[in-house]
Amino acid sequence: MEKLFHKLSEKHGGMKAGTKVRLLKDHHEIGGSVTAGSECVVDAIIHYPTRYRLHDDAGKIWTVPIHSVELVTADTEETAAKDKGEADQIG
């Protein structure tokens, strides 16, 4: 079956819809902004150019480049909690 690159897909290159990710840097769109550290869920993969369509807890849709997210795993959650704790102590 031929891959239709003008269509959205639910999995591609090891990423699947439903995967929880964290933004590595701020992302700005006409409808608003989402900050680095925000956690979202992959809704779909857009193929040309490759980007992820994410939704946040409020249901807002964001279209971000693939290099601006990381997978949320137990390790990344521990690191984020540690970084937040250190920032709270400093601030």
PDB file of N, CA and C in Angstrom:
ATOM      1  N   MET A   1       0.838  -1.177   0.000  1.00  0.00           N
ATOM      2  CA  MET A   1       0.000   0.000   0.000  1.00  0.00           C
ATOM      3  C   MET A   1       0.884   1.243   0.000  1.00  0.00           C
ATOM      4  N   GLU A   2       0.585   2.177  -0.840  1.00  0.00           N
ATOM      5  CA  GLU A   2       1.356   3.400  -0.968  1.00  0.00           C
ATOM      6  C   GLU A   2       1.024   4.364   0.175  1.00  0.00           C
ATOM      7  N   LYS A   3       2.053   5.016   0.731  1.00  0.00           N
ATOM      8  CA  LYS A   3       1.870   5.982   1.814  1.00  0.00           C
ATOM      9  C   LYS A   3       1.411   7.311   1.228  1.00  0.00           C
ATOM     10  N   LEU A   4       0.308   7.841   1.741  1.00  0.00           N
ATOM     11  CA  LEU A   4      -0.211   9.118   1.273  1.00  0.00           C
ATOM     12  C   LEU A   4       0.302  10.222   2.204  1.00  0.00           C
ATOM     13  N   PHE A   5       1.315  10.964   1.756  1.00  0.00           N
ATOM     14  CA  PHE A   5       1.964  11.938   2.618  1.00  0.00           C
ATOM     15  C   PHE A   5       1.154  13.201   2.842  1.00  0.00           C
ATOM     16  N   HIS A   6       0.074  13.396   2.116  1.00  0.00           N
ATOM     17  CA  HIS A   6      -0.782  14.554   2.366  1.00  0.00           C
ATOM     18  C   HIS A   6      -1.875  14.233   3.388  1.00  0.00           C
ATOM     19  N   LYS A   7      -1.872  13.021   3.918  1.00  0.00           N
ATOM     20  CA  LYS A   7      -2.856  12.597   4.917  1.00  0.00           C
ATOM     21  C   LYS A   7      -2.209  12.518   6.300  1.00  0.00           C
ATOM     22  N   LEU A   8      -3.034  12.672   7.334  1.00  0.00           N
ATOM     23  CA  LEU A   8      -2.571  12.472   8.710  1.00  0.00           C
ATOM     24  C   LEU A   8      -2.449  10.983   8.972  1.00  0.00           C
ATOM     25  N   SER A   9      -1.578  10.609   9.896  1.00  0.00           N
ATOM     26  CA  SER A   9      -1.522   9.209  10.284  1.00  0.00           C
ATOM     27  C   SER A   9      -1.453   9.107  11.795  1.00  0.00           C
ATOM     28  N   GLU A  10      -1.722   7.907  12.295  1.00  0.00           N
ATOM     29  CA  GLU A  10      -1.719   7.669  13.734  1.00  0.00           C
ATOM     30  C   GLU A  10      -0.401   7.100  14.231  1.00  0.00           C
ATOM     31  N   LYS A  11       0.476   6.671  13.317  1.00  0.00           N
ATOM     32  CA  LYS A  11       1.805   6.229  13.724  1.00  0.00           C
ATOM     33  C   LYS A  11       2.765   6.413  12.560  1.00  0.00           C
ATOM     34  N   HIS A  12       3.997   6.762  12.930  1.00  0.00           N
ATOM     35  CA  HIS A  12       5.029   6.973  11.915  1.00  0.00           C
ATOM     36  C   HIS A  12       6.364   7.161  12.629  1.00  0.00           C
ATOM     37  N   GLY A  13       7.380   6.486  12.191  1.00  0.00           N
ATOM     38  CA  GLY A  13       8.724   6.650  12.722  1.00  0.00           C
ATOM     39  C   GLY A  13       8.839   6.381  14.219  1.00  0.00           C
ATOM     40  N   GLY A  14       8.056   5.442  14.725  1.00  0.00           N
ATOM     41  CA  GLY A  14       8.119   5.104  16.138  1.00  0.00           C
ATOM     42  C   GLY A  14       7.200   5.924  17.031  1.00  0.00           C
ATOM     43  N   MET A  15       6.554   6.943  16.504  1.00  0.00           N
ATOM     44  CA  MET A  15       5.626   7.764  17.286  1.00  0.00           C
ATOM     45  C   MET A  15       4.200   7.323  16.958  1.00  0.00           C
ATOM     46  N   LYS A  16       3.366   7.234  18.002  1.00  0.00           N
ATOM     47  CA  LYS A  16       1.978   6.814  17.808  1.00  0.00           C
ATOM     48  C   LYS A  16       1.033   7.841  18.426  1.00  0.00           C
ATOM     49  N   ALA A  17      -0.160   7.935  17.878  1.00  0.00           N
ATOM     50  CA  ALA A  17      -1.202   8.762  18.476  1.00  0.00           C
ATOM     51  C   ALA A  17      -1.471   8.245  19.880  1.00  0.00           C
ATOM     52  N   GLY A  18      -1.688   9.152  20.816  1.00  0.00           N
ATOM     53  CA  GLY A  18      -1.928   8.777  22.197  1.00  0.00           C
ATOM     54  C   GLY A  18      -0.690   8.838  23.068  1.00  0.00           C
ATOM     55  N   THR A  19       0.486   9.061  22.469  1.00  0.00           N
ATOM     56  CA  THR A  19       1.737   9.146  23.206  1.00  0.00           C
ATOM     57  C   THR A  19       1.826  10.484  23.929  1.00  0.00           C
ATOM     58  N   LYS A  20       2.232  10.458  25.182  1.00  0.00           N
ATOM     59  CA  LYS A  20       2.393  11.678  25.973  1.00  0.00           C
ATOM     60  C   LYS A  20       3.784  12.245  25.724  1.00  0.00           C
ATOM     61  N   VAL A  21       3.842  13.566  25.419  1.00  0.00           N
ATOM     62  CA  VAL A  21       5.107  14.243  25.156  1.00  0.00           C
ATOM     63  C   VAL A  21       5.189  15.534  25.960  1.00  0.00           C
ATOM     64  N   ARG A  22       6.413  16.033  26.117  1.00  0.00           N
ATOM     65  CA  ARG A  22       6.659  17.309  26.804  1.00  0.00           C
ATOM     66  C   ARG A  22       7.350  18.234  25.814  1.00  0.00           C
ATOM     67  N   LEU A  23       6.912  19.493  25.751  1.00  0.00           N
ATOM     68  CA  LEU A  23       7.545  20.468  24.879  1.00  0.00           C
ATOM     69  C   LEU A  23       8.894  20.876  25.420  1.00  0.00           C
ATOM     70  N   LEU A  24       9.895  20.925  24.553  1.00  0.00           N
ATOM     71  CA  LEU A  24      11.253  21.304  24.932  1.00  0.00           C
ATOM     72  C   LEU A  24      11.471  22.808  24.834  1.00  0.00           C
ATOM     73  N   LYS A  25      10.625  23.485  24.052  1.00  0.00           N
ATOM     74  CA  LYS A  25      10.742  24.933  23.936  1.00  0.00           C
ATOM     75  C   LYS A  25       9.353  25.527  23.704  1.00  0.00           C
ATOM     76  N   ASP A  26       9.243  26.822  23.944  1.00  0.00           N
ATOM     77  CA  ASP A  26       7.969  27.504  23.745  1.00  0.00           C
ATOM     78  C   ASP A  26       7.540  27.377  22.283  1.00  0.00           C
ATOM     79  N   HIS A  27       6.225  27.325  22.090  1.00  0.00           N
ATOM     80  CA  HIS A  27       5.688  27.233  20.734  1.00  0.00           C
ATOM     81  C   HIS A  27       4.585  28.273  20.591  1.00  0.00           C
ATOM     82  N   HIS A  28       4.642  29.051  19.514  1.00  0.00           N
ATOM     83  CA  HIS A  28       3.689  30.134  19.293  1.00  0.00           C
ATOM     84  C   HIS A  28       2.911  29.888  18.004  1.00  0.00           C
ATOM     85  N   GLU A  29       1.615  30.086  18.080  1.00  0.00           N
ATOM     86  CA  GLU A  29       0.742  30.012  16.910  1.00  0.00           C
ATOM     87  C   GLU A  29      -0.173  31.227  16.934  1.00  0.00           C
ATOM     88  N   ILE A  30      -0.910  31.450  15.875  1.00  0.00           N
ATOM     89  CA  ILE A  30      -1.819  32.588  15.804  1.00  0.00           C
ATOM     90  C   ILE A  30      -2.826  32.559  16.955  1.00  0.00           C
ATOM     91  N   GLY A  31      -3.308  31.373  17.318  1.00  0.00           N
ATOM     92  CA  GLY A  31      -4.324  31.242  18.355  1.00  0.00           C
ATOM     93  C   GLY A  31      -3.806  31.252  19.778  1.00  0.00           C
ATOM     94  N   GLY A  32      -2.491  31.376  19.976  1.00  0.00           N
ATOM     95  CA  GLY A  32      -1.949  31.386  21.327  1.00  0.00           C
ATOM     96  C   GLY A  32      -0.565  30.776  21.390  1.00  0.00           C
ATOM     97  N   SER A  33      -0.143  30.499  22.615  1.00  0.00           N
ATOM     98  CA  SER A  33       1.188  29.950  22.855  1.00  0.00           C
ATOM     99  C   SER A  33       1.112  28.847  23.890  1.00  0.00           C
ATOM    100  N   VAL A  34       2.044  27.924  23.793  1.00  0.00           N
ATOM    101  CA  VAL A  34       2.194  26.876  24.789  1.00  0.00           C
ATOM    102  C   VAL A  34       3.656  26.894  25.215  1.00  0.00           C
ATOM    103  N   THR A  35       3.898  26.786  26.515  1.00  0.00           N
ATOM    104  CA  THR A  35       5.246  26.972  27.033  1.00  0.00           C
ATOM    105  C   THR A  35       6.036  25.667  27.129  1.00  0.00           C
ATOM    106  N   ALA A  36       7.338  25.810  27.122  1.00  0.00           N
ATOM    107  CA  ALA A  36       8.233  24.671  27.312  1.00  0.00           C
ATOM    108  C   ALA A  36       7.897  24.010  28.641  1.00  0.00           C
ATOM    109  N   GLY A  37       7.932  22.694  28.657  1.00  0.00           N
ATOM    110  CA  GLY A  37       7.610  21.934  29.861  1.00  0.00           C
ATOM    111  C   GLY A  37       6.162  21.473  29.900  1.00  0.00           C
ATOM    112  N   SER A  38       5.319  22.046  29.042  1.00  0.00           N
ATOM    113  CA  SER A  38       3.919  21.619  28.984  1.00  0.00           C
ATOM    114  C   SER A  38       3.836  20.195  28.451  1.00  0.00           C
ATOM    115  N   GLU A  39       2.932  19.415  29.018  1.00  0.00           N
ATOM    116  CA  GLU A  39       2.729  18.048  28.546  1.00  0.00           C
ATOM    117  C   GLU A  39       1.469  17.985  27.707  1.00  0.00           C
ATOM    118  N   CYS A  40       1.579  17.318  26.576  1.00  0.00           N
ATOM    119  CA  CYS A  40       0.477  17.175  25.632  1.00  0.00           C
ATOM    120  C   CYS A  40       0.431  15.725  25.155  1.00  0.00           C
ATOM    121  N   VAL A  41      -0.591  15.395  24.394  1.00  0.00           N
ATOM    122  CA  VAL A  41      -0.745  14.058  23.841  1.00  0.00           C
ATOM    123  C   VAL A  41      -0.754  14.160  22.319  1.00  0.00           C
ATOM    124  N   VAL A  42      -0.033  13.259  21.651  1.00  0.00           N
ATOM    125  CA  VAL A  42       0.003  13.235  20.191  1.00  0.00           C
ATOM    126  C   VAL A  42      -1.370  12.826  19.676  1.00  0.00           C
ATOM    127  N   ASP A  43      -1.928  13.668  18.842  1.00  0.00           N
ATOM    128  CA  ASP A  43      -3.220  13.418  18.222  1.00  0.00           C
ATOM    129  C   ASP A  43      -3.026  12.760  16.850  1.00  0.00           C
ATOM    130  N   ALA A  44      -2.012  13.235  16.103  1.00  0.00           N
ATOM    131  CA  ALA A  44      -1.727  12.689  14.770  1.00  0.00           C
ATOM    132  C   ALA A  44      -0.347  13.152  14.324  1.00  0.00           C
ATOM    133  N   ILE A  45       0.144  12.517  13.265  1.00  0.00           N
ATOM    134  CA  ILE A  45       1.409  12.902  12.650  1.00  0.00           C
ATOM    135  C   ILE A  45       1.073  13.513  11.296  1.00  0.00           C
ATOM    136  N   ILE A  46       1.653  14.667  11.036  1.00  0.00           N
ATOM    137  CA  ILE A  46       1.463  15.371   9.771  1.00  0.00           C
ATOM    138  C   ILE A  46       2.746  15.151   8.979  1.00  0.00           C
ATOM    139  N   HIS A  47       2.636  14.812   7.716  1.00  0.00           N
ATOM    140  CA  HIS A  47       3.809  14.323   6.994  1.00  0.00           C
ATOM    141  C   HIS A  47       4.613  15.305   6.172  1.00  0.00           C
ATOM    142  N   TYR A  48       4.096  16.419   5.756  1.00  0.00           N
ATOM    143  CA  TYR A  48       4.904  17.273   4.882  1.00  0.00           C
ATOM    144  C   TYR A  48       4.794  18.726   5.278  1.00  0.00           C
ATOM    145  N   PRO A  49       5.752  19.336   5.930  1.00  0.00           N
ATOM    146  CA  PRO A  49       6.880  18.666   6.573  1.00  0.00           C
ATOM    147  C   PRO A  49       6.414  17.961   7.841  1.00  0.00           C
ATOM    148  N   THR A  50       7.190  17.013   8.307  1.00  0.00           N
ATOM    149  CA  THR A  50       6.762  16.194   9.440  1.00  0.00           C
ATOM    150  C   THR A  50       6.655  17.035  10.703  1.00  0.00           C
ATOM    151  N   ARG A  51       5.461  17.000  11.284  1.00  0.00           N
ATOM    152  CA  ARG A  51       5.146  17.691  12.531  1.00  0.00           C
ATOM    153  C   ARG A  51       4.197  16.813  13.312  1.00  0.00           C
ATOM    154  N   TYR A  52       4.045  17.109  14.588  1.00  0.00           N
ATOM    155  CA  TYR A  52       3.067  16.407  15.409  1.00  0.00           C
ATOM    156  C   TYR A  52       1.898  17.338  15.695  1.00  0.00           C
ATOM    157  N   ARG A  53       0.713  16.798  15.586  1.00  0.00           N
ATOM    158  CA  ARG A  53      -0.478  17.536  16.017  1.00  0.00           C
ATOM    159  C   ARG A  53      -0.777  17.042  17.425  1.00  0.00           C
ATOM    160  N   LEU A  54      -0.694  17.950  18.389  1.00  0.00           N
ATOM    161  CA  LEU A  54      -0.851  17.619  19.800  1.00  0.00           C
ATOM    162  C   LEU A  54      -2.129  18.236  20.341  1.00  0.00           C
ATOM    163  N   HIS A  55      -2.651  17.662  21.422  1.00  0.00           N
ATOM    164  CA  HIS A  55      -3.709  18.355  22.164  1.00  0.00           C
ATOM    165  C   HIS A  55      -3.309  18.404  23.636  1.00  0.00           C
ATOM    166  N   ASP A  56      -3.658  19.534  24.261  1.00  0.00           N
ATOM    167  CA  ASP A  56      -3.321  19.718  25.673  1.00  0.00           C
ATOM    168  C   ASP A  56      -4.513  19.319  26.539  1.00  0.00           C
ATOM    169  N   ASP A  57      -4.397  19.510  27.849  1.00  0.00           N
ATOM    170  CA  ASP A  57      -5.460  19.130  28.785  1.00  0.00           C
ATOM    171  C   ASP A  57      -6.755  19.886  28.529  1.00  0.00           C
ATOM    172  N   ALA A  58      -6.653  21.098  27.992  1.00  0.00           N
ATOM    173  CA  ALA A  58      -7.835  21.912  27.707  1.00  0.00           C
ATOM    174  C   ALA A  58      -8.468  21.547  26.363  1.00  0.00           C
ATOM    175  N   GLY A  59      -7.817  20.640  25.614  1.00  0.00           N
ATOM    176  CA  GLY A  59      -8.340  20.234  24.316  1.00  0.00           C
ATOM    177  C   GLY A  59      -7.858  21.093  23.160  1.00  0.00           C
ATOM    178  N   LYS A  60      -6.996  22.081  23.434  1.00  0.00           N
ATOM    179  CA  LYS A  60      -6.458  22.937  22.379  1.00  0.00           C
ATOM    180  C   LYS A  60      -5.480  22.140  21.530  1.00  0.00           C
ATOM    181  N   ILE A  61      -5.556  22.342  20.222  1.00  0.00           N
ATOM    182  CA  ILE A  61      -4.689  21.638  19.271  1.00  0.00           C
ATOM    183  C   ILE A  61      -3.479  22.509  18.943  1.00  0.00           C
ATOM    184  N   TRP A  62      -2.307  21.892  18.958  1.00  0.00           N
ATOM    185  CA  TRP A  62      -1.042  22.552  18.620  1.00  0.00           C
ATOM    186  C   TRP A  62      -0.350  21.744  17.533  1.00  0.00           C
ATOM    187  N   THR A  63       0.270  22.402  16.579  1.00  0.00           N
ATOM    188  CA  THR A  63       1.025  21.737  15.530  1.00  0.00           C
ATOM    189  C   THR A  63       2.480  22.122  15.701  1.00  0.00           C
ATOM    190  N   VAL A  64       3.299  21.170  16.151  1.00  0.00           N
ATOM    191  CA  VAL A  64       4.688  21.488  16.516  1.00  0.00           C
ATOM    192  C   VAL A  64       5.680  20.649  15.711  1.00  0.00           C
ATOM    193  N   PRO A  65       6.883  21.189  15.486  1.00  0.00           N
ATOM    194  CA  PRO A  65       7.934  20.411  14.829  1.00  0.00           C
ATOM    195  C   PRO A  65       8.339  19.220  15.697  1.00  0.00           C
ATOM    196  N   ILE A  66       8.736  18.143  15.076  1.00  0.00           N
ATOM    197  CA  ILE A  66       9.058  16.925  15.825  1.00  0.00           C
ATOM    198  C   ILE A  66      10.249  17.107  16.751  1.00  0.00           C
ATOM    199  N   HIS A  67      11.162  18.019  16.433  1.00  0.00           N
ATOM    200  CA  HIS A  67      12.356  18.209  17.262  1.00  0.00           C
ATOM    201  C   HIS A  67      12.083  19.036  18.522  1.00  0.00           C
ATOM    202  N   SER A  68      10.852  19.507  18.700  1.00  0.00           N
ATOM    203  CA  SER A  68      10.566  20.348  19.863  1.00  0.00           C
ATOM    204  C   SER A  68       9.825  19.613  20.978  1.00  0.00           C
ATOM    205  N   VAL A  69       9.796  18.266  20.910  1.00  0.00           N
ATOM    206  CA  VAL A  69       9.150  17.485  21.967  1.00  0.00           C
ATOM    207  C   VAL A  69      10.041  16.325  22.402  1.00  0.00           C
ATOM    208  N   GLU A  70       9.770  15.840  23.622  1.00  0.00           N
ATOM    209  CA  GLU A  70      10.421  14.618  24.106  1.00  0.00           C
ATOM    210  C   GLU A  70       9.333  13.713  24.669  1.00  0.00           C
ATOM    211  N   LEU A  71       9.575  12.424  24.622  1.00  0.00           N
ATOM    212  CA  LEU A  71       8.631  11.477  25.207  1.00  0.00           C
ATOM    213  C   LEU A  71       8.598  11.640  26.717  1.00  0.00           C
ATOM    214  N   VAL A  72       7.416  11.511  27.286  1.00  0.00           N
ATOM    215  CA  VAL A  72       7.302  11.535  28.741  1.00  0.00           C
ATOM    216  C   VAL A  72       7.397  10.094  29.221  1.00  0.00           C
ATOM    217  N   THR A  73       8.446   9.820  29.984  1.00  0.00           N
ATOM    218  CA  THR A  73       8.662   8.497  30.568  1.00  0.00           C
ATOM    219  C   THR A  73       8.869   8.681  32.060  1.00  0.00           C
ATOM    220  N   ALA A  74       8.991   7.613  32.784  1.00  0.00           N
ATOM    221  CA  ALA A  74       9.243   7.707  34.220  1.00  0.00           C
ATOM    222  C   ALA A  74      10.522   8.501  34.477  1.00  0.00           C
ATOM    223  N   ASP A  75      11.553   8.306  33.649  1.00  0.00           N
ATOM    224  CA  ASP A  75      12.814   9.023  33.819  1.00  0.00           C
ATOM    225  C   ASP A  75      12.646  10.523  33.599  1.00  0.00           C
ATOM    226  N   THR A  76      11.930  10.916  32.538  1.00  0.00           N
ATOM    227  CA  THR A  76      11.765  12.345  32.268  1.00  0.00           C
ATOM    228  C   THR A  76      10.863  12.996  33.300  1.00  0.00           C
ATOM    229  N   GLU A  77       9.893  12.260  33.849  1.00  0.00           N
ATOM    230  CA  GLU A  77       9.048  12.816  34.900  1.00  0.00           C
ATOM    231  C   GLU A  77       9.861  13.063  36.173  1.00  0.00           C
ATOM    232  N   GLU A  78      10.763  12.135  36.521  1.00  0.00           N
ATOM    233  CA  GLU A  78      11.630  12.322  37.691  1.00  0.00           C
ATOM    234  C   GLU A  78      12.531  13.530  37.507  1.00  0.00           C
ATOM    235  N   THR A  79      13.115  13.674  36.346  1.00  0.00           N
ATOM    236  CA  THR A  79      14.005  14.799  36.062  1.00  0.00           C
ATOM    237  C   THR A  79      13.245  16.113  36.138  1.00  0.00           C
ATOM    238  N   ALA A  80      12.052  16.165  35.579  1.00  0.00           N
ATOM    239  CA  ALA A  80      11.246  17.386  35.612  1.00  0.00           C
ATOM    240  C   ALA A  80      10.873  17.748  37.041  1.00  0.00           C
ATOM    241  N   ALA A  81      10.517  16.766  37.847  1.00  0.00           N
ATOM    242  CA  ALA A  81      10.158  17.022  39.242  1.00  0.00           C
ATOM    243  C   ALA A  81      11.375  17.536  40.019  1.00  0.00           C
ATOM    244  N   LYS A  82      12.530  16.944  39.762  1.00  0.00           N
ATOM    245  CA  LYS A  82      13.767  17.375  40.428  1.00  0.00           C
ATOM    246  C   LYS A  82      14.107  18.806  40.026  1.00  0.00           C
ATOM    247  N   ASP A  83      14.027  19.115  38.714  1.00  0.00           N
ATOM    248  CA  ASP A  83      14.323  20.463  38.233  1.00  0.00           C
ATOM    249  C   ASP A  83      13.364  21.485  38.842  1.00  0.00           C
ATOM    250  N   LYS A  84      12.091  21.143  38.955  1.00  0.00           N
ATOM    251  CA  LYS A  84      11.103  22.038  39.536  1.00  0.00           C
ATOM    252  C   LYS A  84      11.403  22.269  41.013  1.00  0.00           C
ATOM    253  N   GLY A  85      11.776  21.218  41.721  1.00  0.00           N
ATOM    254  CA  GLY A  85      12.118  21.348  43.138  1.00  0.00           C
ATOM    255  C   GLY A  85      13.322  22.253  43.347  1.00  0.00           C
ATOM    256  N   GLU A  86      14.340  22.124  42.506  1.00  0.00           N
ATOM    257  CA  GLU A  86      15.521  22.965  42.605  1.00  0.00           C
ATOM    258  C   GLU A  86      15.185  24.406  42.287  1.00  0.00           C
ATOM    259  N   ALA A  87      14.315  24.630  41.291  1.00  0.00           N
ATOM    260  CA  ALA A  87      13.919  25.988  40.930  1.00  0.00           C
ATOM    261  C   ALA A  87      13.108  26.632  42.052  1.00  0.00           C
ATOM    262  N   ASP A  88      12.264  25.852  42.731  1.00  0.00           N
ATOM    263  CA  ASP A  88      11.480  26.362  43.860  1.00  0.00           C
ATOM    264  C   ASP A  88      12.389  26.786  45.005  1.00  0.00           C
ATOM    265  N   GLN A  89      13.468  26.037  45.229  1.00  0.00           N
ATOM    266  CA  GLN A  89      14.404  26.352  46.309  1.00  0.00           C
ATOM    267  C   GLN A  89      15.185  27.634  46.017  1.00  0.00           C
ATOM    268  N   ILE A  90      15.513  27.820  44.734  1.00  0.00           N
ATOM    269  CA  ILE A  90      16.272  29.015  44.334  1.00  0.00           C
ATOM    270  C   ILE A  90      15.377  30.249  44.377  1.00  0.00           C
ATOM    271  N   GLY A  91      14.144  30.104  43.825  1.00  0.00           N
ATOM    272  CA  GLY A  91      13.224  31.248  43.691  1.00  0.00           C
ATOM    273  C   GLY A  91      12.514  31.521  44.931  1.00  0.00           C
TER     274      GLY A  91
END
